[in-house]
Amino acid sequence: MKKILNAVAQAIFDKKGFNIIALDVKGLSTLTDYLVIAEGNIDRHVKAIGSSVVQTLNEMKNPPWHIEGERVGDWLVIDAGDIIIH
């Protein structure tokens, strides 16, 4: 799991995402084990970060279960099971 978490954080960093934080919520949440939060500058930047994260998850054989906010652009939530990226 840590390998996927690190790859997701690296994908965000590579697309110039900032304020990246990964929270271990195993004992606090029944929905997920890790919550990754990051920021992008504008809607196009957020979409690029999201695309990079989805591509990384697919390459690691852990495709996202659900993606919310794709059409909005200024926010995005990717549910990858044990990891949620916002």
Protein backbone atom coordinates (compact mmCIF):
# COMPACT_ATOMS: atom_id res chain seq x y z
CA MET A 1 0.00 0.00 0.00
CA LYS A 2 2.84 2.40 0.82
CA LYS A 3 4.25 1.89 -2.67
CA ILE A 4 0.98 3.03 -4.25
CA LEU A 5 0.68 5.93 -1.80
CA ASN A 6 4.20 7.11 -2.66
CA ALA A 7 3.53 6.75 -6.40
CA VAL A 8 0.34 8.85 -6.09
CA ALA A 9 2.19 11.57 -4.17
CA GLN A 10 4.98 11.52 -6.76
CA ALA A 11 2.44 11.81 -9.63
CA ILE A 12 0.95 14.89 -7.95
CA PHE A 13 4.40 16.37 -7.34
CA ASP A 14 5.50 15.70 -10.93
CA LYS A 15 2.54 17.76 -12.19
CA LYS A 16 3.52 20.62 -9.88
CA GLY A 17 0.77 19.98 -7.36
CA PHE A 18 1.48 21.62 -4.02
CA ASN A 19 0.63 21.37 -0.33
CA ILE A 20 0.59 17.58 -0.68
CA ILE A 21 -0.32 15.83 2.53
CA ALA A 22 -1.04 12.15 3.19
CA LEU A 23 -3.03 11.29 6.29
CA ASP A 24 -3.12 7.82 7.83
CA VAL A 25 -6.77 7.46 8.91
CA LYS A 26 -6.87 3.68 9.46
CA GLY A 27 -8.01 3.95 13.05
CA LEU A 28 -10.34 6.88 12.39
CA SER A 29 -12.24 5.97 9.22
CA THR A 30 -14.08 2.91 8.01
CA LEU A 31 -14.04 4.23 4.43
CA THR A 32 -10.32 4.30 3.68
CA ASP A 33 -6.85 3.85 5.13
CA TYR A 34 -5.20 6.94 3.63
CA LEU A 35 -6.41 10.36 2.58
CA VAL A 36 -4.19 12.37 0.21
CA ILE A 37 -4.94 16.08 -0.12
CA ALA A 38 -3.22 18.39 -2.60
CA GLU A 39 -3.77 21.66 -4.42
CA GLY A 40 -3.56 22.86 -7.99
CA ASN A 41 -3.62 26.39 -9.36
CA ILE A 42 -6.54 26.44 -11.81
CA ASP A 43 -9.11 23.97 -13.13
CA ARG A 44 -6.87 22.83 -16.02
CA HIS A 45 -4.05 22.16 -13.55
CA VAL A 46 -6.35 20.15 -11.26
CA LYS A 47 -7.53 18.07 -14.23
CA ALA A 48 -3.92 17.39 -15.29
CA ILE A 49 -3.02 16.29 -11.77
CA GLY A 50 -6.08 14.03 -11.66
CA SER A 51 -5.25 12.46 -15.02
CA SER A 52 -1.71 11.77 -13.86
CA VAL A 53 -2.95 10.15 -10.64
CA VAL A 54 -5.45 7.97 -12.52
CA GLN A 55 -2.76 6.91 -14.99
CA THR A 56 -0.41 6.04 -12.12
CA LEU A 57 -3.10 4.01 -10.35
CA ASN A 58 -3.88 2.11 -13.56
CA GLU A 59 -0.18 1.38 -14.15
CA MET A 60 0.07 -0.01 -10.61
CA LYS A 61 -2.90 -2.34 -11.24
CA ASN A 62 -5.03 -0.46 -8.71
CA PRO A 63 -7.57 1.39 -10.88
CA PRO A 64 -9.84 3.97 -9.23
CA TRP A 65 -13.22 2.75 -8.07
CA HIS A 66 -14.90 6.12 -8.61
CA ILE A 67 -13.97 9.64 -9.68
CA GLU A 68 -16.07 12.64 -8.68
CA GLY A 69 -15.77 16.23 -9.89
CA GLU A 70 -14.25 15.51 -13.31
CA ARG A 71 -16.65 17.89 -15.03
CA VAL A 72 -16.32 20.65 -12.46
CA GLY A 73 -12.58 21.08 -12.83
CA ASP A 74 -11.67 23.05 -9.72
CA TRP A 75 -11.92 20.02 -7.42
CA LEU A 76 -11.58 16.29 -7.82
CA VAL A 77 -11.99 13.24 -5.60
CA ILE A 78 -10.52 9.91 -6.67
CA ASP A 79 -11.57 6.83 -4.70
CA ALA A 80 -8.94 4.12 -5.05
CA GLY A 81 -10.26 1.94 -2.23
CA ASP A 82 -7.63 2.12 0.48
CA ILE A 83 -6.59 5.59 -0.72
CA ILE A 84 -8.80 8.61 -1.38
CA ILE A 85 -7.23 11.53 -3.23
CA HIS A 86 -8.73 15.02 -3.05
